[in-house]
Protein backbone atom coordinates (compact mmCIF):
# COMPACT_ATOMS: atom_id res chain seq x y z
CA MET A 1 0.05 0.01 0.00
CA SER A 2 1.10 3.28 -0.71
CA GLU A 3 1.49 5.95 1.88
CA PRO A 4 -0.99 8.80 1.79
CA GLN A 5 0.53 11.72 0.25
CA THR A 6 0.18 15.08 1.89
CA PRO A 7 -1.28 17.51 -0.47
CA THR A 8 1.22 20.19 -1.42
CA THR A 9 0.20 23.70 -1.42
CA ALA A 10 1.71 25.92 -3.93
CA GLN A 11 4.09 28.36 -2.17
CA PRO A 12 3.91 31.73 -3.72
CA GLU A 13 7.10 32.37 -5.39
CA ALA A 14 9.08 35.23 -3.81
CA SER A 15 8.26 38.10 -6.14
CA ALA A 16 11.31 40.04 -7.49
CA PRO A 17 11.41 43.50 -6.38
CA ALA A 18 9.56 45.88 -8.72
CA ALA A 19 11.88 47.24 -11.24
CA LYS A 20 12.42 51.03 -11.10
CA PRO A 21 10.97 52.83 -14.06
CA VAL A 22 13.66 53.64 -16.56
CA ARG A 23 13.96 57.42 -16.89
CA LYS A 24 14.32 58.27 -20.40
CA LYS A 25 17.09 60.76 -21.01
CA ALA A 26 16.57 63.78 -23.11
CA PRO A 27 18.07 63.56 -26.50
CA LEU A 28 21.58 64.96 -26.60
CA ARG A 29 21.59 68.31 -28.11
CA PRO A 30 23.93 69.01 -30.94
CA LEU A 31 26.96 71.08 -30.23
CA PRO A 32 29.57 72.73 -32.42
CA LYS A 33 32.38 70.58 -33.56
CA PRO A 34 35.90 71.87 -33.23
CA GLU A 35 36.01 72.98 -36.86
CA ASP A 36 32.75 75.03 -36.64
CA VAL A 37 34.19 77.82 -34.59
CA PRO A 38 37.03 78.79 -37.09
CA ARG A 39 34.81 78.40 -40.07
CA TRP A 40 32.32 80.81 -38.41
CA ILE A 41 35.14 83.27 -37.50
CA ALA A 42 36.29 83.32 -41.11
CA GLY A 43 32.74 84.35 -42.05
CA GLU A 44 30.72 81.19 -42.88
CA GLU A 45 27.29 80.53 -41.33
CA ALA A 46 27.30 78.04 -38.42
CA PRO A 47 24.08 78.26 -36.67
CA ILE A 48 24.92 75.44 -34.46
CA LEU A 49 27.02 78.02 -32.45
CA GLY A 50 23.74 79.27 -31.09
CA ALA A 51 23.47 76.06 -29.12
CA LEU A 52 26.36 77.17 -26.88
CA PHE A 53 23.93 79.74 -25.41
CA GLU A 54 20.71 78.02 -25.66
CA LYS A 55 18.91 76.50 -22.52
CA ARG A 56 21.12 78.75 -20.19
CA THR A 57 19.84 80.70 -17.19
CA LEU A 58 21.41 83.79 -15.76
CA LYS A 59 23.09 81.57 -13.14
CA THR A 60 24.59 79.06 -15.72
CA PHE A 61 25.73 82.03 -17.80
CA ASP A 62 27.44 83.65 -14.91
CA ALA A 63 29.13 80.28 -14.09
CA LEU A 64 30.30 80.17 -17.58
CA VAL A 65 31.59 83.63 -17.54
CA MET A 66 33.54 82.72 -14.33
CA GLN A 67 35.26 80.06 -16.31
CA ILE A 68 36.14 82.40 -19.01
CA ARG A 69 37.57 84.78 -16.54
CA LYS A 70 39.45 82.03 -14.71
CA ASP A 71 41.25 81.31 -18.07
CA GLU A 72 41.97 85.07 -18.25
CA LEU A 73 40.13 85.59 -21.55
CA LEU A 74 38.00 88.42 -20.14
CA PRO A 75 39.21 90.94 -17.49
CA GLN A 76 38.31 90.52 -13.91
CA HIS A 77 36.04 93.48 -13.89
CA TRP A 78 34.27 92.80 -17.14
CA GLN A 79 30.82 94.12 -16.43
CA VAL A 80 29.95 97.62 -17.26
CA ILE A 81 27.82 99.19 -14.40
CA THR A 82 25.62 102.00 -15.44
CA ASN A 83 22.08 103.17 -14.93
CA LEU A 84 21.81 105.38 -18.03
CA GLN A 85 19.09 104.80 -20.64
CA ALA A 86 19.96 103.87 -24.22
CA PRO A 87 19.62 106.82 -26.66
CA PRO A 88 16.63 106.82 -28.93
CA ASP A 89 16.55 104.20 -31.73
CA GLU A 90 17.11 106.69 -34.38
CA GLU A 91 20.64 107.11 -33.21
CA PHE A 92 21.12 103.31 -33.78
CA GLU A 93 19.81 103.52 -37.21
CA ALA A 94 22.19 106.24 -38.04
CA LEU A 95 25.34 104.25 -37.02
CA PRO A 96 27.61 103.62 -39.95
CA GLU A 97 28.12 99.88 -38.82
CA VAL A 98 24.28 99.35 -39.01
CA GLY A 99 24.27 100.63 -42.54
CA ARG A 100 27.23 98.42 -43.52
CA LEU A 101 25.26 95.48 -42.04
CA ARG A 102 22.22 96.25 -44.22
CA VAL A 103 24.40 96.21 -47.36
CA ARG A 104 26.22 93.09 -46.24
CA TYR A 105 23.26 90.82 -45.97
CA LYS A 106 21.53 90.36 -49.27
CA ASP A 107 18.51 88.65 -47.48
CA GLN A 108 16.59 91.43 -45.97
CA GLU A 109 14.77 89.19 -43.47
CA LEU A 110 18.15 87.98 -42.38
CA ALA A 111 19.54 91.55 -42.13
CA GLN A 112 16.51 92.53 -39.89
CA GLN A 113 16.99 89.65 -37.56
CA ARG A 114 20.63 90.38 -37.04
CA ILE A 115 20.30 94.19 -36.87
CA GLU A 116 17.50 93.76 -34.25
CA ALA A 117 19.63 91.42 -32.20
CA LEU A 118 22.50 94.09 -32.36
CA ARG A 119 19.92 96.81 -31.32
CA THR A 120 19.05 94.70 -28.25
CA GLY A 121 22.73 94.37 -27.40
CA TRP A 122 23.24 98.16 -27.93
CA GLN A 123 20.28 99.02 -25.67
CA GLY A 124 21.84 96.60 -23.02
CA LEU A 125 24.99 98.54 -23.21
CA ARG A 126 23.13 101.83 -23.11
CA GLY A 127 24.05 103.13 -26.54
CA LYS A 128 27.79 102.11 -26.83
CA ARG A 129 28.50 101.82 -30.60
CA PRO A 130 28.97 98.03 -31.68
CA ALA A 131 31.93 99.12 -33.63
CA LEU A 132 33.60 99.97 -30.23
CA TRP A 133 32.49 96.83 -28.31
CA ASP A 134 35.08 94.39 -27.22
CA VAL A 135 34.39 90.83 -26.38
CA GLY A 136 33.76 91.84 -22.71
CA ASP A 137 31.09 94.33 -23.78
CA LEU A 138 29.44 91.62 -25.91
CA PHE A 139 29.09 89.32 -22.80
CA VAL A 140 27.87 92.08 -20.85
CA ALA A 141 25.06 92.60 -23.44
CA MET A 142 24.44 88.85 -23.46
CA ARG A 143 24.12 88.91 -19.61
CA ARG A 144 21.68 91.77 -19.69
CA ILE A 145 19.55 89.75 -22.15
CA TYR A 146 19.65 86.70 -19.90
CA ALA A 147 18.69 88.88 -16.92
CA SER A 148 15.52 90.21 -18.88
CA GLY A 149 14.40 86.56 -19.03
CA GLU A 150 13.23 86.95 -22.65
CA THR A 151 13.80 84.36 -25.26
CA PHE A 152 16.61 85.54 -27.60
CA ASP A 153 18.46 84.17 -30.50
CA PHE A 154 22.16 84.79 -29.52
CA TYR A 155 23.39 83.25 -32.78
CA GLN A 156 22.15 86.55 -34.49
CA LEU A 157 23.87 88.85 -31.96
CA LEU A 158 27.10 86.91 -32.16
CA THR A 159 27.12 86.85 -35.88
CA ALA A 160 26.04 90.55 -36.39
CA THR A 161 28.91 91.46 -33.86
CA ARG A 162 31.25 89.29 -35.69
CA ASP A 163 30.37 91.07 -39.04
CA VAL A 164 30.76 94.57 -37.40
CA TRP A 165 34.39 93.58 -36.38
CA ARG A 166 35.15 91.99 -39.75
CA ASP A 167 34.20 95.26 -41.46
CA LEU A 168 36.62 97.38 -39.18
CA THR A 169 39.77 98.36 -40.99
CA LEU A 170 41.88 98.98 -37.86
CA PRO A 171 43.48 95.81 -36.15
CA PHE A 172 41.00 96.07 -33.27
CA GLY A 173 38.46 94.20 -35.07
CA GLN A 174 40.66 91.39 -35.86
CA GLN A 175 41.95 91.35 -32.22
CA GLN A 176 38.28 91.05 -31.04
CA LEU A 177 37.75 88.18 -33.54
CA ASP A 178 40.79 86.30 -32.37
CA LEU A 179 39.67 86.75 -28.70
CA LEU A 180 36.02 85.71 -29.48
CA TRP A 181 37.35 82.62 -31.25
CA ASN A 182 39.32 81.72 -28.08
CA VAL A 183 36.24 82.38 -25.77
CA LEU A 184 33.92 80.33 -28.06
CA GLU A 185 36.43 77.47 -28.09
CA LEU A 186 36.41 77.41 -24.21
CA VAL A 187 32.60 77.64 -24.08
CA ARG A 188 32.35 74.79 -26.67
CA VAL A 189 34.60 72.62 -24.43
CA LYS A 190 32.82 73.53 -21.13
CA THR A 191 29.25 73.06 -22.51
CA LYS A 192 27.69 69.69 -21.83
CA LYS A 193 25.41 68.00 -24.12
């Protein structure tokens, strides 16, 4: 005779701990390649350079400027402090460098975008002529734009400023382009995807 078998009760299997939901990473944003900055300085279009200044806050921009200052590319006291108001827009329109930009750009819509970006920088610098800006002035203008909290296309400002400096016949313009090249290379290296 066989022994009676005890009925087996199914033991619940130890459940595996619930897997944590996988957080999807945001797609990497494209950033300029090493060859993009010199091509742009030479006069080519490279809209990818605008990505260096997108998605930044005033705080991250200030941290970036600290890195630039640490590498001694901008003077330690780079920010112009003034409470003066910018002159009327008619003075901006009468500037020779603005007239040269209108002639430079064959596409009138592009000319308008870049001149408006330059006007915003000019207002941020309280009417300082773009032909007299140095790289430090450009970054002061950019900081004031960040501080305003408005959405802005920094590529248009950078390119308009580059073209103003390219049109200068004195060595000052080339010196500023060389310095801007170095600053943009540093920003490119320090910017994370």
